[in-house]
Amino acid sequence: MMKLAKFKKPGPKVKDMVSKPIPKQDRINIFVRTEKEFVNSARKFAKKNNMSLSTLIENYFRVIHENINDPSIEMPGCRSLKGILKGCCTNPSHYQRYLQNKYK
């Protein structure tokens, strides 16, 4: 089960997030394929916080958009890779040599 990103600095509370109305011409529909368990949990969370599932997802996108250039925020994929090269040789010239050999 994938966990959502954890933010090091305190972010806005869900109840404090106010979704600004989006003009109709700026809206798009998205299709997300995921496990039912995630959707059901998200629906319960949204209902508990008096918002729609669409608003919850939009607020998540907004947080990402507003913090996209903040290096202190770790996304789940990056966090799982942290320390993977510990103890390995990370010299760029070695990697370059590896790629040259690989694609000969």
Protein backbone atom coordinates (compact mmCIF):
# COMPACT_ATOMS: atom_id res chain seq x y z
CA MET A 1 0.00 0.00 0.00
CA MET A 2 1.55 3.29 -1.12
CA LYS A 3 1.73 6.09 1.43
CA LEU A 4 1.20 9.73 0.51
CA ALA A 5 4.03 12.22 0.72
CA LYS A 6 4.98 13.46 4.16
CA PHE A 7 5.80 17.12 4.44
CA LYS A 8 8.54 18.24 6.80
CA LYS A 9 7.03 21.65 7.41
CA PRO A 10 3.48 21.88 8.72
CA GLY A 11 1.05 22.24 5.87
CA PRO A 12 -2.44 23.67 5.88
CA LYS A 13 -5.08 21.68 7.71
CA VAL A 14 -7.67 20.06 5.49
CA LYS A 15 -10.50 22.05 7.03
CA ASP A 16 -8.58 25.30 6.36
CA MET A 17 -8.20 24.55 2.66
CA VAL A 18 -10.75 26.45 0.66
CA SER A 19 -11.27 25.40 -2.89
CA LYS A 20 -11.47 28.42 -5.16
CA PRO A 21 -14.11 28.15 -7.87
CA ILE A 22 -12.54 27.09 -11.15
CA PRO A 23 -13.94 28.60 -14.35
CA LYS A 24 -15.65 25.96 -16.48
CA GLN A 25 -13.22 26.44 -19.40
CA ASP A 26 -10.25 25.71 -17.09
CA ARG A 27 -11.61 22.42 -15.76
CA ILE A 28 -10.60 19.01 -17.05
CA ASN A 29 -11.77 15.52 -16.21
CA ILE A 30 -9.25 12.93 -15.13
CA PHE A 31 -9.52 9.17 -14.93
CA VAL A 32 -7.65 7.43 -12.14
CA ARG A 33 -7.25 3.68 -11.89
CA THR A 34 -6.52 2.58 -8.35
CA GLU A 35 -7.57 0.07 -5.74
CA LYS A 36 -11.09 0.27 -4.28
CA GLU A 37 -9.60 0.43 -0.79
CA PHE A 38 -7.89 3.76 -1.59
CA VAL A 39 -11.04 5.27 -3.07
CA ASN A 40 -13.19 4.14 -0.15
CA SER A 41 -10.69 5.54 2.37
CA ALA A 42 -10.49 8.82 0.48
CA ARG A 43 -14.31 9.08 0.34
CA LYS A 44 -14.56 8.51 4.10
CA PHE A 45 -11.85 11.08 4.74
CA ALA A 46 -13.54 13.62 2.45
CA LYS A 47 -16.93 13.06 4.06
CA LYS A 48 -15.44 13.39 7.55
CA ASN A 49 -13.95 16.76 6.50
CA ASN A 50 -17.14 17.96 4.75
CA MET A 51 -15.78 18.00 1.21
CA SER A 52 -16.22 16.09 -1.99
CA LEU A 53 -13.69 13.59 -3.27
CA SER A 54 -12.99 15.95 -6.19
CA THR A 55 -12.23 18.79 -3.78
CA LEU A 56 -9.93 16.55 -1.75
CA ILE A 57 -7.96 15.55 -4.85
CA GLU A 58 -7.89 19.13 -6.11
CA ASN A 59 -6.50 20.31 -2.75
CA TYR A 60 -3.80 17.63 -2.89
CA PHE A 61 -2.83 18.80 -6.39
CA ARG A 62 -2.82 22.39 -5.13
CA VAL A 63 -0.40 21.51 -2.29
CA ILE A 64 1.90 19.79 -4.78
CA HIS A 65 1.68 22.74 -7.18
CA GLU A 66 2.42 25.31 -4.47
CA ASN A 67 5.39 23.34 -3.13
CA ILE A 68 6.80 21.92 -6.36
CA ASN A 69 10.12 23.75 -6.00
CA ASP A 70 10.53 23.15 -2.26
CA PRO A 71 13.48 20.76 -1.81
CA SER A 72 12.42 19.88 1.75
CA ILE A 73 9.38 17.96 0.48
CA GLU A 74 9.91 14.29 -0.21
CA MET A 75 7.64 12.45 -2.59
CA PRO A 76 6.99 8.74 -1.91
CA GLY A 77 9.11 7.43 -4.79
CA CYS A 78 12.10 9.53 -3.77
CA ARG A 79 11.86 8.51 -0.14
CA SER A 80 11.99 4.83 -1.08
CA LEU A 81 15.22 5.43 -3.02
CA LYS A 82 16.92 7.35 -0.22
CA GLY A 83 20.13 5.61 0.86
CA ILE A 84 19.98 2.97 -1.87
CA LEU A 85 23.52 3.84 -3.02
CA LYS A 86 24.98 3.99 0.48
CA GLY A 87 28.42 2.41 0.40
CA CYS A 88 28.42 2.18 -3.38
CA CYS A 89 30.79 4.00 -5.62
CA THR A 90 28.89 7.08 -6.79
CA ASN A 91 31.61 8.65 -8.89
CA PRO A 92 30.02 10.08 -12.09
CA SER A 93 32.90 8.82 -14.24
CA HIS A 94 32.20 5.23 -13.12
CA TYR A 95 28.56 5.55 -14.09
CA GLN A 96 29.52 7.07 -17.43
CA ARG A 97 31.85 4.12 -18.07
CA TYR A 98 29.05 1.72 -17.10
CA LEU A 99 26.69 3.34 -19.62
CA GLN A 100 29.33 3.29 -22.37
CA ASN A 101 29.88 -0.43 -21.80
CA LYS A 102 26.18 -1.14 -21.62
CA TYR A 103 25.36 0.55 -24.93
CA LYS A 104 28.35 -0.66 -27.03
